[in-house]
Amino acid sequence: MSHITHDIRHGLSLEQAKRVAHSALDDYLARYGSRGFTARWSSETRAELEVAVKGVHLAAIVDVLPEVLRVDAKVPLVLRAFKGTAIATVEREVQKWLHRAKSEAPA
């Protein structure tokens, strides 16, 4: 297994960041839960995610911290070559949720 840690600055209050993270994971569970994606909150600020596709198992922990969302993932060595692509995809998805939250926030 290869270990990847990536921090994404959110620019929100901790409470806002928690709401965004909970909403995002609820959405992903609704869309991908039937395809092997699982997520559970082990605390108010920590989610444990897993996905198994075609015999490949990925696990990650997402911590909602005061300034960043920290993604800590365990990835099979066979997928290590795709590390850059995976980080870019996660970053892009998170930024969509953050942008939505910031645009909906009262001025």
PDB file of N, CA and C in Angstrom:
ATOM      1  N   MET A   1       0.844  -1.192   0.000  1.00  0.00           N
ATOM      2  CA  MET A   1       0.000   0.000   0.000  1.00  0.00           C
ATOM      3  C   MET A   1       0.883   1.247   0.000  1.00  0.00           C
ATOM      4  N   SER A   2       0.426   2.215  -0.718  1.00  0.00           N
ATOM      5  CA  SER A   2       1.069   3.521  -0.763  1.00  0.00           C
ATOM      6  C   SER A   2       0.220   4.481   0.056  1.00  0.00           C
ATOM      7  N   HIS A   3       0.849   5.437   0.679  1.00  0.00           N
ATOM      8  CA  HIS A   3       0.164   6.367   1.559  1.00  0.00           C
ATOM      9  C   HIS A   3       0.223   7.764   0.935  1.00  0.00           C
ATOM     10  N   ILE A   4      -0.920   8.405   0.830  1.00  0.00           N
ATOM     11  CA  ILE A   4      -1.007   9.758   0.260  1.00  0.00           C
ATOM     12  C   ILE A   4      -1.712  10.659   1.271  1.00  0.00           C
ATOM     13  N   THR A   5      -1.121  11.803   1.569  1.00  0.00           N
ATOM     14  CA  THR A   5      -1.773  12.813   2.393  1.00  0.00           C
ATOM     15  C   THR A   5      -1.830  14.106   1.591  1.00  0.00           C
ATOM     16  N   HIS A   6      -2.994  14.731   1.580  1.00  0.00           N
ATOM     17  CA  HIS A   6      -3.165  15.970   0.821  1.00  0.00           C
ATOM     18  C   HIS A   6      -4.065  16.917   1.601  1.00  0.00           C
ATOM     19  N   ASP A   7      -3.618  18.154   1.793  1.00  0.00           N
ATOM     20  CA  ASP A   7      -4.399  19.182   2.476  1.00  0.00           C
ATOM     21  C   ASP A   7      -5.022  20.112   1.454  1.00  0.00           C
ATOM     22  N   ILE A   8      -6.296  20.433   1.689  1.00  0.00           N
ATOM     23  CA  ILE A   8      -7.020  21.358   0.817  1.00  0.00           C
ATOM     24  C   ILE A   8      -7.532  22.505   1.678  1.00  0.00           C
ATOM     25  N   ARG A   9      -7.043  23.701   1.425  1.00  0.00           N
ATOM     26  CA  ARG A   9      -7.497  24.877   2.183  1.00  0.00           C
ATOM     27  C   ARG A   9      -8.958  25.147   1.838  1.00  0.00           C
ATOM     28  N   HIS A  10      -9.770  25.359   2.883  1.00  0.00           N
ATOM     29  CA  HIS A  10     -11.191  25.564   2.599  1.00  0.00           C
ATOM     30  C   HIS A  10     -11.645  27.008   2.749  1.00  0.00           C
ATOM     31  N   GLY A  11     -10.997  27.832   3.541  1.00  0.00           N
ATOM     32  CA  GLY A  11     -11.381  29.237   3.668  1.00  0.00           C
ATOM     33  C   GLY A  11     -12.738  29.457   4.314  1.00  0.00           C
ATOM     34  N   LEU A  12     -13.211  28.477   5.094  1.00  0.00           N
ATOM     35  CA  LEU A  12     -14.501  28.567   5.767  1.00  0.00           C
ATOM     36  C   LEU A  12     -14.290  28.455   7.269  1.00  0.00           C
ATOM     37  N   SER A  13     -15.333  28.778   8.012  1.00  0.00           N
ATOM     38  CA  SER A  13     -15.269  28.490   9.446  1.00  0.00           C
ATOM     39  C   SER A  13     -15.298  26.967   9.603  1.00  0.00           C
ATOM     40  N   LEU A  14     -14.897  26.490  10.749  1.00  0.00           N
ATOM     41  CA  LEU A  14     -14.904  25.053  10.992  1.00  0.00           C
ATOM     42  C   LEU A  14     -16.324  24.494  10.859  1.00  0.00           C
ATOM     43  N   GLU A  15     -17.312  25.212  11.378  1.00  0.00           N
ATOM     44  CA  GLU A  15     -18.704  24.743  11.286  1.00  0.00           C
ATOM     45  C   GLU A  15     -19.167  24.664   9.834  1.00  0.00           C
ATOM     46  N   GLN A  16     -18.837  25.681   9.038  1.00  0.00           N
ATOM     47  CA  GLN A  16     -19.209  25.660   7.618  1.00  0.00           C
ATOM     48  C   GLN A  16     -18.516  24.497   6.901  1.00  0.00           C
ATOM     49  N   ALA A  17     -17.238  24.301   7.189  1.00  0.00           N
ATOM     50  CA  ALA A  17     -16.480  23.226   6.548  1.00  0.00           C
ATOM     51  C   ALA A  17     -17.072  21.861   6.903  1.00  0.00           C
ATOM     52  N   LYS A  18     -17.500  21.698   8.156  1.00  0.00           N
ATOM     53  CA  LYS A  18     -18.130  20.436   8.554  1.00  0.00           C
ATOM     54  C   LYS A  18     -19.433  20.219   7.792  1.00  0.00           C
ATOM     55  N   ARG A  19     -20.241  21.274   7.661  1.00  0.00           N
ATOM     56  CA  ARG A  19     -21.504  21.153   6.924  1.00  0.00           C
ATOM     57  C   ARG A  19     -21.254  20.762   5.469  1.00  0.00           C
ATOM     58  N   VAL A  20     -20.259  21.384   4.845  1.00  0.00           N
ATOM     59  CA  VAL A  20     -19.936  21.081   3.451  1.00  0.00           C
ATOM     60  C   VAL A  20     -19.479  19.630   3.326  1.00  0.00           C
ATOM     61  N   ALA A  21     -18.613  19.196   4.213  1.00  0.00           N
ATOM     62  CA  ALA A  21     -18.103  17.822   4.155  1.00  0.00           C
ATOM     63  C   ALA A  21     -19.230  16.815   4.344  1.00  0.00           C
ATOM     64  N   HIS A  22     -20.115  17.066   5.299  1.00  0.00           N
ATOM     65  CA  HIS A  22     -21.244  16.165   5.524  1.00  0.00           C
ATOM     66  C   HIS A  22     -22.157  16.125   4.301  1.00  0.00           C
ATOM     67  N   SER A  23     -22.441  17.275   3.720  1.00  0.00           N
ATOM     68  CA  SER A  23     -23.296  17.323   2.523  1.00  0.00           C
ATOM     69  C   SER A  23     -22.659  16.579   1.354  1.00  0.00           C
ATOM     70  N   ALA A  24     -21.367  16.788   1.158  1.00  0.00           N
ATOM     71  CA  ALA A  24     -20.673  16.122   0.046  1.00  0.00           C
ATOM     72  C   ALA A  24     -20.710  14.612   0.219  1.00  0.00           C
ATOM     73  N   LEU A  25     -20.410  14.133   1.423  1.00  0.00           N
ATOM     74  CA  LEU A  25     -20.398  12.685   1.621  1.00  0.00           C
ATOM     75  C   LEU A  25     -21.795  12.084   1.515  1.00  0.00           C
ATOM     76  N   ASP A  26     -22.804  12.796   1.995  1.00  0.00           N
ATOM     77  CA  ASP A  26     -24.179  12.318   1.820  1.00  0.00           C
ATOM     78  C   ASP A  26     -24.508  12.173   0.337  1.00  0.00           C
ATOM     79  N   ASP A  27     -24.099  13.149  -0.451  1.00  0.00           N
ATOM     80  CA  ASP A  27     -24.343  13.110  -1.892  1.00  0.00           C
ATOM     81  C   ASP A  27     -23.615  11.937  -2.541  1.00  0.00           C
ATOM     82  N   TYR A  28     -22.345  11.738  -2.203  1.00  0.00           N
ATOM     83  CA  TYR A  28     -21.578  10.641  -2.793  1.00  0.00           C
ATOM     84  C   TYR A  28     -22.131   9.282  -2.380  1.00  0.00           C
ATOM     85  N   LEU A  29     -22.590   9.168  -1.132  1.00  0.00           N
ATOM     86  CA  LEU A  29     -23.208   7.913  -0.696  1.00  0.00           C
ATOM     87  C   LEU A  29     -24.480   7.626  -1.496  1.00  0.00           C
ATOM     88  N   ALA A  30     -25.281   8.651  -1.724  1.00  0.00           N
ATOM     89  CA  ALA A  30     -26.511   8.470  -2.493  1.00  0.00           C
ATOM     90  C   ALA A  30     -26.198   8.062  -3.933  1.00  0.00           C
ATOM     91  N   ARG A  31     -25.167   8.657  -4.509  1.00  0.00           N
ATOM     92  CA  ARG A  31     -24.833   8.369  -5.898  1.00  0.00           C
ATOM     93  C   ARG A  31     -24.037   7.086  -6.096  1.00  0.00           C
ATOM     94  N   TYR A  32     -23.126   6.781  -5.159  1.00  0.00           N
ATOM     95  CA  TYR A  32     -22.192   5.677  -5.383  1.00  0.00           C
ATOM     96  C   TYR A  32     -22.267   4.561  -4.344  1.00  0.00           C
ATOM     97  N   GLY A  33     -23.169   4.667  -3.395  1.00  0.00           N
ATOM     98  CA  GLY A  33     -23.281   3.647  -2.354  1.00  0.00           C
ATOM     99  C   GLY A  33     -23.586   2.269  -2.903  1.00  0.00           C
ATOM    100  N   SER A  34     -24.345   2.196  -3.963  1.00  0.00           N
ATOM    101  CA  SER A  34     -24.687   0.896  -4.549  1.00  0.00           C
ATOM    102  C   SER A  34     -23.543   0.321  -5.381  1.00  0.00           C
ATOM    103  N   ARG A  35     -22.477   1.115  -5.553  1.00  0.00           N
ATOM    104  CA  ARG A  35     -21.331   0.663  -6.359  1.00  0.00           C
ATOM    105  C   ARG A  35     -20.089   0.401  -5.514  1.00  0.00           C
ATOM    106  N   GLY A  36     -20.276   0.175  -4.234  1.00  0.00           N
ATOM    107  CA  GLY A  36     -19.139  -0.198  -3.392  1.00  0.00           C
ATOM    108  C   GLY A  36     -18.518   0.927  -2.594  1.00  0.00           C
ATOM    109  N   PHE A  37     -19.090   2.133  -2.653  1.00  0.00           N
ATOM    110  CA  PHE A  37     -18.561   3.251  -1.873  1.00  0.00           C
ATOM    111  C   PHE A  37     -19.233   3.267  -0.511  1.00  0.00           C
ATOM    112  N   THR A  38     -18.438   3.356   0.543  1.00  0.00           N
ATOM    113  CA  THR A  38     -18.982   3.497   1.893  1.00  0.00           C
ATOM    114  C   THR A  38     -18.297   4.668   2.576  1.00  0.00           C
ATOM    115  N   ALA A  39     -19.013   5.289   3.471  1.00  0.00           N
ATOM    116  CA  ALA A  39     -18.466   6.393   4.259  1.00  0.00           C
ATOM    117  C   ALA A  39     -19.188   6.419   5.592  1.00  0.00           C
ATOM    118  N   ARG A  40     -18.423   6.659   6.642  1.00  0.00           N
ATOM    119  CA  ARG A  40     -19.037   6.802   7.956  1.00  0.00           C
ATOM    120  C   ARG A  40     -18.248   7.847   8.726  1.00  0.00           C
ATOM    121  N   TRP A  41     -18.981   8.585   9.534  1.00  0.00           N
ATOM    122  CA  TRP A  41     -18.356   9.599  10.380  1.00  0.00           C
ATOM    123  C   TRP A  41     -17.979   8.929  11.696  1.00  0.00           C
ATOM    124  N   SER A  42     -16.679   8.896  12.006  1.00  0.00           N
ATOM    125  CA  SER A  42     -16.221   8.319  13.267  1.00  0.00           C
ATOM    126  C   SER A  42     -16.180   9.383  14.362  1.00  0.00           C
ATOM    127  N   SER A  43     -16.271  10.653  13.962  1.00  0.00           N
ATOM    128  CA  SER A  43     -16.421  11.776  14.894  1.00  0.00           C
ATOM    129  C   SER A  43     -17.066  12.905  14.104  1.00  0.00           C
ATOM    130  N   GLU A  44     -17.285  14.037  14.737  1.00  0.00           N
ATOM    131  CA  GLU A  44     -17.892  15.173  14.028  1.00  0.00           C
ATOM    132  C   GLU A  44     -17.012  15.699  12.913  1.00  0.00           C
ATOM    133  N   THR A  45     -15.713  15.435  13.016  1.00  0.00           N
ATOM    134  CA  THR A  45     -14.775  16.016  12.058  1.00  0.00           C
ATOM    135  C   THR A  45     -13.950  14.981  11.308  1.00  0.00           C
ATOM    136  N   ARG A  46     -14.260  13.704  11.448  1.00  0.00           N
ATOM    137  CA  ARG A  46     -13.486  12.658  10.760  1.00  0.00           C
ATOM    138  C   ARG A  46     -14.410  11.665  10.075  1.00  0.00           C
ATOM    139  N   ALA A  47     -14.179  11.507   8.765  1.00  0.00           N
ATOM    140  CA  ALA A  47     -14.928  10.534   7.982  1.00  0.00           C
ATOM    141  C   ALA A  47     -13.975   9.459   7.481  1.00  0.00           C
ATOM    142  N   GLU A  48     -14.467   8.232   7.500  1.00  0.00           N
ATOM    143  CA  GLU A  48     -13.703   7.105   6.984  1.00  0.00           C
ATOM    144  C   GLU A  48     -14.402   6.609   5.725  1.00  0.00           C
ATOM    145  N   LEU A  49     -13.664   6.604   4.619  1.00  0.00           N
ATOM    146  CA  LEU A  49     -14.218   6.258   3.314  1.00  0.00           C
ATOM    147  C   LEU A  49     -13.553   4.993   2.791  1.00  0.00           C
ATOM    148  N   GLU A  50     -14.320   4.206   2.062  1.00  0.00           N
ATOM    149  CA  GLU A  50     -13.771   3.025   1.402  1.00  0.00           C
ATOM    150  C   GLU A  50     -14.498   2.817   0.087  1.00  0.00           C
ATOM    151  N   VAL A  51     -13.750   2.301  -0.871  1.00  0.00           N
ATOM    152  CA  VAL A  51     -14.350   1.907  -2.141  1.00  0.00           C
ATOM    153  C   VAL A  51     -13.597   0.679  -2.642  1.00  0.00           C
ATOM    154  N   ALA A  52     -14.348  -0.235  -3.179  1.00  0.00           N
ATOM    155  CA  ALA A  52     -13.767  -1.429  -3.776  1.00  0.00           C
ATOM    156  C   ALA A  52     -14.328  -1.558  -5.188  1.00  0.00           C
ATOM    157  N   VAL A  53     -13.444  -1.529  -6.164  1.00  0.00           N
ATOM    158  CA  VAL A  53     -13.852  -1.624  -7.558  1.00  0.00           C
ATOM    159  C   VAL A  53     -12.963  -2.652  -8.251  1.00  0.00           C
ATOM    160  N   LYS A  54     -13.582  -3.643  -8.827  1.00  0.00           N
ATOM    161  CA  LYS A  54     -12.867  -4.674  -9.587  1.00  0.00           C
ATOM    162  C   LYS A  54     -11.698  -5.256  -8.796  1.00  0.00           C
ATOM    163  N   GLY A  55     -11.941  -5.539  -7.526  1.00  0.00           N
ATOM    164  CA  GLY A  55     -10.923  -6.165  -6.694  1.00  0.00           C
ATOM    165  C   GLY A  55      -9.881  -5.221  -6.130  1.00  0.00           C
ATOM    166  N   VAL A  56      -9.977  -3.946  -6.439  1.00  0.00           N
ATOM    167  CA  VAL A  56      -9.038  -2.959  -5.921  1.00  0.00           C
ATOM    168  C   VAL A  56      -9.719  -2.215  -4.781  1.00  0.00           C
ATOM    169  N   HIS A  57      -9.055  -2.171  -3.640  1.00  0.00           N
ATOM    170  CA  HIS A  57      -9.628  -1.563  -2.438  1.00  0.00           C
ATOM    171  C   HIS A  57      -8.863  -0.286  -2.088  1.00  0.00           C
ATOM    172  N   LEU A  58      -9.607   0.800  -1.939  1.00  0.00           N
ATOM    173  CA  LEU A  58      -9.030   2.085  -1.534  1.00  0.00           C
ATOM    174  C   LEU A  58      -9.679   2.507  -0.223  1.00  0.00           C
ATOM    175  N   ALA A  59      -8.894   3.063   0.683  1.00  0.00           N
ATOM    176  CA  ALA A  59      -9.414   3.559   1.953  1.00  0.00           C
ATOM    177  C   ALA A  59      -8.834   4.945   2.207  1.00  0.00           C
ATOM    178  N   ALA A  60      -9.656   5.817   2.779  1.00  0.00           N
ATOM    179  CA  ALA A  60      -9.198   7.174   3.077  1.00  0.00           C
ATOM    180  C   ALA A  60      -9.868   7.680   4.342  1.00  0.00           C
ATOM    181  N   ILE A  61      -9.191   8.597   4.981  1.00  0.00           N
ATOM    182  CA  ILE A  61      -9.748   9.323   6.114  1.00  0.00           C
ATOM    183  C   ILE A  61      -9.741  10.792   5.720  1.00  0.00           C
ATOM    184  N   VAL A  62     -10.853  11.464   5.971  1.00  0.00           N
ATOM    185  CA  VAL A  62     -10.944  12.901   5.726  1.00  0.00           C
ATOM    186  C   VAL A  62     -11.154  13.572   7.075  1.00  0.00           C
ATOM    187  N   ASP A  63     -10.231  14.451   7.429  1.00  0.00           N
ATOM    188  CA  ASP A  63     -10.338  15.225   8.662  1.00  0.00           C
ATOM    189  C   ASP A  63     -10.700  16.657   8.308  1.00  0.00           C
ATOM    190  N   VAL A  64     -11.747  17.168   8.945  1.00  0.00           N
ATOM    191  CA  VAL A  64     -12.143  18.560   8.761  1.00  0.00           C
ATOM    192  C   VAL A  64     -11.456  19.346   9.871  1.00  0.00           C
ATOM    193  N   LEU A  65     -10.459  20.120   9.486  1.00  0.00           N
ATOM    194  CA  LEU A  65      -9.655  20.888  10.434  1.00  0.00           C
ATOM    195  C   LEU A  65      -9.973  22.374  10.275  1.00  0.00           C
ATOM    196  N   PRO A  66      -9.543  23.213  11.214  1.00  0.00           N
ATOM    197  CA  PRO A  66      -9.903  24.634  11.150  1.00  0.00           C
ATOM    198  C   PRO A  66      -9.551  25.343   9.839  1.00  0.00           C
ATOM    199  N   GLU A  67      -8.455  24.969   9.183  1.00  0.00           N
ATOM    200  CA  GLU A  67      -8.081  25.672   7.957  1.00  0.00           C
ATOM    201  C   GLU A  67      -8.072  24.784   6.720  1.00  0.00           C
ATOM    202  N   VAL A  68      -8.016  23.471   6.924  1.00  0.00           N
ATOM    203  CA  VAL A  68      -7.897  22.564   5.786  1.00  0.00           C
ATOM    204  C   VAL A  68      -8.777  21.331   5.950  1.00  0.00           C
ATOM    205  N   LEU A  69      -9.049  20.717   4.813  1.00  0.00           N
ATOM    206  CA  LEU A  69      -9.580  19.361   4.782  1.00  0.00           C
ATOM    207  C   LEU A  69      -8.371  18.477   4.493  1.00  0.00           C
ATOM    208  N   ARG A  70      -8.076  17.556   5.370  1.00  0.00           N
ATOM    209  CA  ARG A  70      -6.921  16.674   5.191  1.00  0.00           C
ATOM    210  C   ARG A  70      -7.416  15.312   4.723  1.00  0.00           C
ATOM    211  N   VAL A  71      -6.929  14.910   3.565  1.00  0.00           N
ATOM    212  CA  VAL A  71      -7.263  13.606   3.006  1.00  0.00           C
ATOM    213  C   VAL A  71      -6.040  12.718   3.178  1.00  0.00           C
ATOM    214  N   ASP A  72      -6.234  11.615   3.866  1.00  0.00           N
ATOM    215  CA  ASP A  72      -5.165  10.659   4.127  1.00  0.00           C
ATOM    216  C   ASP A  72      -5.619   9.326   3.553  1.00  0.00           C
ATOM    217  N   ALA A  73      -4.997   8.886   2.459  1.00  0.00           N
ATOM    218  CA  ALA A  73      -5.472   7.704   1.738  1.00  0.00           C
ATOM    219  C   ALA A  73      -4.423   6.606   1.683  1.00  0.00           C
ATOM    220  N   LYS A  74      -4.921   5.376   1.700  1.00  0.00           N
ATOM    221  CA  LYS A  74      -4.091   4.196   1.475  1.00  0.00           C
ATOM    222  C   LYS A  74      -4.477   3.657   0.110  1.00  0.00           C
ATOM    223  N   VAL A  75      -3.505   3.617  -0.777  1.00  0.00           N
ATOM    224  CA  VAL A  75      -3.751   3.240  -2.159  1.00  0.00           C
ATOM    225  C   VAL A  75      -2.864   2.046  -2.513  1.00  0.00           C
ATOM    226  N   PRO A  76      -3.408   1.045  -3.173  1.00  0.00           N
ATOM    227  CA  PRO A  76      -2.571  -0.089  -3.599  1.00  0.00           C
ATOM    228  C   PRO A  76      -1.408   0.381  -4.473  1.00  0.00           C
ATOM    229  N   LEU A  77      -0.273  -0.267  -4.325  1.00  0.00           N
ATOM    230  CA  LEU A  77       0.912   0.123  -5.091  1.00  0.00           C
ATOM    231  C   LEU A  77       0.662   0.134  -6.591  1.00  0.00           C
ATOM    232  N   VAL A  78      -0.194  -0.747  -7.058  1.00  0.00           N
ATOM    233  CA  VAL A  78      -0.484  -0.816  -8.490  1.00  0.00           C
ATOM    234  C   VAL A  78      -1.081   0.496  -9.012  1.00  0.00           C
ATOM    235  N   LEU A  79      -1.718   1.270  -8.138  1.00  0.00           N
ATOM    236  CA  LEU A  79      -2.324   2.542  -8.552  1.00  0.00           C
ATOM    237  C   LEU A  79      -1.449   3.759  -8.252  1.00  0.00           C
ATOM    238  N   ARG A  80      -0.272   3.539  -7.701  1.00  0.00           N
ATOM    239  CA  ARG A  80       0.589   4.657  -7.316  1.00  0.00           C
ATOM    240  C   ARG A  80       0.934   5.561  -8.500  1.00  0.00           C
ATOM    241  N   ALA A  81       1.012   4.994  -9.682  1.00  0.00           N
ATOM    242  CA  ALA A  81       1.330   5.795 -10.878  1.00  0.00           C
ATOM    243  C   ALA A  81       0.267   6.858 -11.152  1.00  0.00           C
ATOM    244  N   PHE A  82      -0.937   6.662 -10.616  1.00  0.00           N
ATOM    245  CA  PHE A  82      -2.044   7.592 -10.849  1.00  0.00           C
ATOM    246  C   PHE A  82      -2.208   8.591  -9.710  1.00  0.00           C
ATOM    247  N   LYS A  83      -1.210   8.694  -8.843  1.00  0.00           N
ATOM    248  CA  LYS A  83      -1.292   9.560  -7.669  1.00  0.00           C
ATOM    249  C   LYS A  83      -1.627  11.007  -8.051  1.00  0.00           C
ATOM    250  N   GLY A  84      -0.926  11.567  -9.015  1.00  0.00           N
ATOM    251  CA  GLY A  84      -1.157  12.958  -9.420  1.00  0.00           C
ATOM    252  C   GLY A  84      -2.563  13.177  -9.949  1.00  0.00           C
ATOM    253  N   THR A  85      -3.035  12.245 -10.747  1.00  0.00           N
ATOM    254  CA  THR A  85      -4.385  12.332 -11.297  1.00  0.00           C
ATOM    255  C   THR A  85      -5.424  12.234 -10.180  1.00  0.00           C
ATOM    256  N   ALA A  86      -5.187  11.322  -9.242  1.00  0.00           N
ATOM    257  CA  ALA A  86      -6.128  11.143  -8.131  1.00  0.00           C
ATOM    258  C   ALA A  86      -6.199  12.400  -7.270  1.00  0.00           C
ATOM    259  N   ILE A  87      -5.056  12.986  -6.947  1.00  0.00           N
ATOM    260  CA  ILE A  87      -5.038  14.200  -6.128  1.00  0.00           C
ATOM    261  C   ILE A  87      -5.748  15.333  -6.862  1.00  0.00           C
ATOM    262  N   ALA A  88      -5.489  15.490  -8.146  1.00  0.00           N
ATOM    263  CA  ALA A  88      -6.133  16.551  -8.927  1.00  0.00           C
ATOM    264  C   ALA A  88      -7.652  16.356  -8.961  1.00  0.00           C
ATOM    265  N   THR A  89      -8.101  15.115  -9.074  1.00  0.00           N
ATOM    266  CA  THR A  89      -9.535  14.834  -9.110  1.00  0.00           C
ATOM    267  C   THR A  89     -10.184  15.162  -7.770  1.00  0.00           C
ATOM    268  N   VAL A  90      -9.555  14.736  -6.683  1.00  0.00           N
ATOM    269  CA  VAL A  90     -10.083  15.036  -5.346  1.00  0.00           C
ATOM    270  C   VAL A  90     -10.114  16.546  -5.126  1.00  0.00           C
ATOM    271  N   GLU A  91      -9.032  17.219  -5.472  1.00  0.00           N
ATOM    272  CA  GLU A  91      -8.954  18.682  -5.312  1.00  0.00           C
ATOM    273  C   GLU A  91     -10.079  19.359  -6.090  1.00  0.00           C
ATOM    274  N   ARG A  92     -10.292  18.954  -7.320  1.00  0.00           N
ATOM    275  CA  ARG A  92     -11.330  19.555  -8.169  1.00  0.00           C
ATOM    276  C   ARG A  92     -12.726  19.337  -7.565  1.00  0.00           C
ATOM    277  N   GLU A  93     -13.009  18.134  -7.101  1.00  0.00           N
ATOM    278  CA  GLU A  93     -14.307  17.841  -6.494  1.00  0.00           C
ATOM    279  C   GLU A  93     -14.524  18.669  -5.228  1.00  0.00           C
ATOM    280  N   VAL A  94     -13.525  18.728  -4.380  1.00  0.00           N
ATOM    281  CA  VAL A  94     -13.655  19.496  -3.130  1.00  0.00           C
ATOM    282  C   VAL A  94     -13.856  20.972  -3.444  1.00  0.00           C
ATOM    283  N   GLN A  95     -13.110  21.489  -4.402  1.00  0.00           N
ATOM    284  CA  GLN A  95     -13.237  22.908  -4.747  1.00  0.00           C
ATOM    285  C   GLN A  95     -14.640  23.236  -5.248  1.00  0.00           C
ATOM    286  N   LYS A  96     -15.298  22.307  -5.953  1.00  0.00           N
ATOM    287  CA  LYS A  96     -16.681  22.538  -6.388  1.00  0.00           C
ATOM    288  C   LYS A  96     -17.588  22.742  -5.179  1.00  0.00           C
ATOM    289  N   TRP A  97     -17.454  21.861  -4.191  1.00  0.00           N
ATOM    290  CA  TRP A  97     -18.282  21.965  -2.986  1.00  0.00           C
ATOM    291  C   TRP A  97     -17.970  23.240  -2.208  1.00  0.00           C
ATOM    292  N   LEU A  98     -16.688  23.592  -2.114  1.00  0.00           N
ATOM    293  CA  LEU A  98     -16.304  24.807  -1.383  1.00  0.00           C
ATOM    294  C   LEU A  98     -16.823  26.046  -2.102  1.00  0.00           C
ATOM    295  N   HIS A  99     -16.691  26.067  -3.418  1.00  0.00           N
ATOM    296  CA  HIS A  99     -17.178  27.213  -4.190  1.00  0.00           C
ATOM    297  C   HIS A  99     -18.682  27.396  -4.003  1.00  0.00           C
ATOM    298  N   ARG A 100     -19.414  26.277  -4.037  1.00  0.00           N
ATOM    299  CA  ARG A 100     -20.864  26.341  -3.837  1.00  0.00           C
ATOM    300  C   ARG A 100     -21.193  26.914  -2.456  1.00  0.00           C
ATOM    301  N   ALA A 101     -20.486  26.454  -1.440  1.00  0.00           N
ATOM    302  CA  ALA A 101     -20.749  26.933  -0.071  1.00  0.00           C
ATOM    303  C   ALA A 101     -20.441  28.421   0.069  1.00  0.00           C
ATOM    304  N   LYS A 102     -19.355  28.854  -0.551  1.00  0.00           N
ATOM    305  CA  LYS A 102     -18.972  30.268  -0.466  1.00  0.00           C
ATOM    306  C   LYS A 102     -19.949  31.151  -1.230  1.00  0.00           C
ATOM    307  N   SER A 103     -20.470  30.663  -2.355  1.00  0.00           N
ATOM    308  CA  SER A 103     -21.392  31.479  -3.141  1.00  0.00           C
ATOM    309  C   SER A 103     -22.768  31.550  -2.473  1.00  0.00           C
ATOM    310  N   GLU A 104     -23.098  30.561  -1.643  1.00  0.00           N
ATOM    311  CA  GLU A 104     -24.389  30.565  -0.947  1.00  0.00           C
ATOM    312  C   GLU A 104     -24.327  31.279   0.392  1.00  0.00           C
ATOM    313  N   ALA A 105     -23.119  31.579   0.876  1.00  0.00           N
ATOM    314  CA  ALA A 105     -22.964  32.221   2.179  1.00  0.00           C
ATOM    315  C   ALA A 105     -23.464  33.666   2.113  1.00  0.00           C
ATOM    316  N   PRO A 106     -24.132  34.110   3.185  1.00  0.00           N
ATOM    317  CA  PRO A 106     -24.605  35.500   3.211  1.00  0.00           C
ATOM    318  C   PRO A 106     -23.426  36.468   3.201  1.00  0.00           C
ATOM    319  N   ALA A 107     -23.596  37.575   2.535  1.00  0.00           N
ATOM    320  CA  ALA A 107     -22.520  38.579   2.433  1.00  0.00           C
ATOM    321  C   ALA A 107     -22.352  39.363   3.698  1.00  0.00           C
TER     322      ALA A 107
END
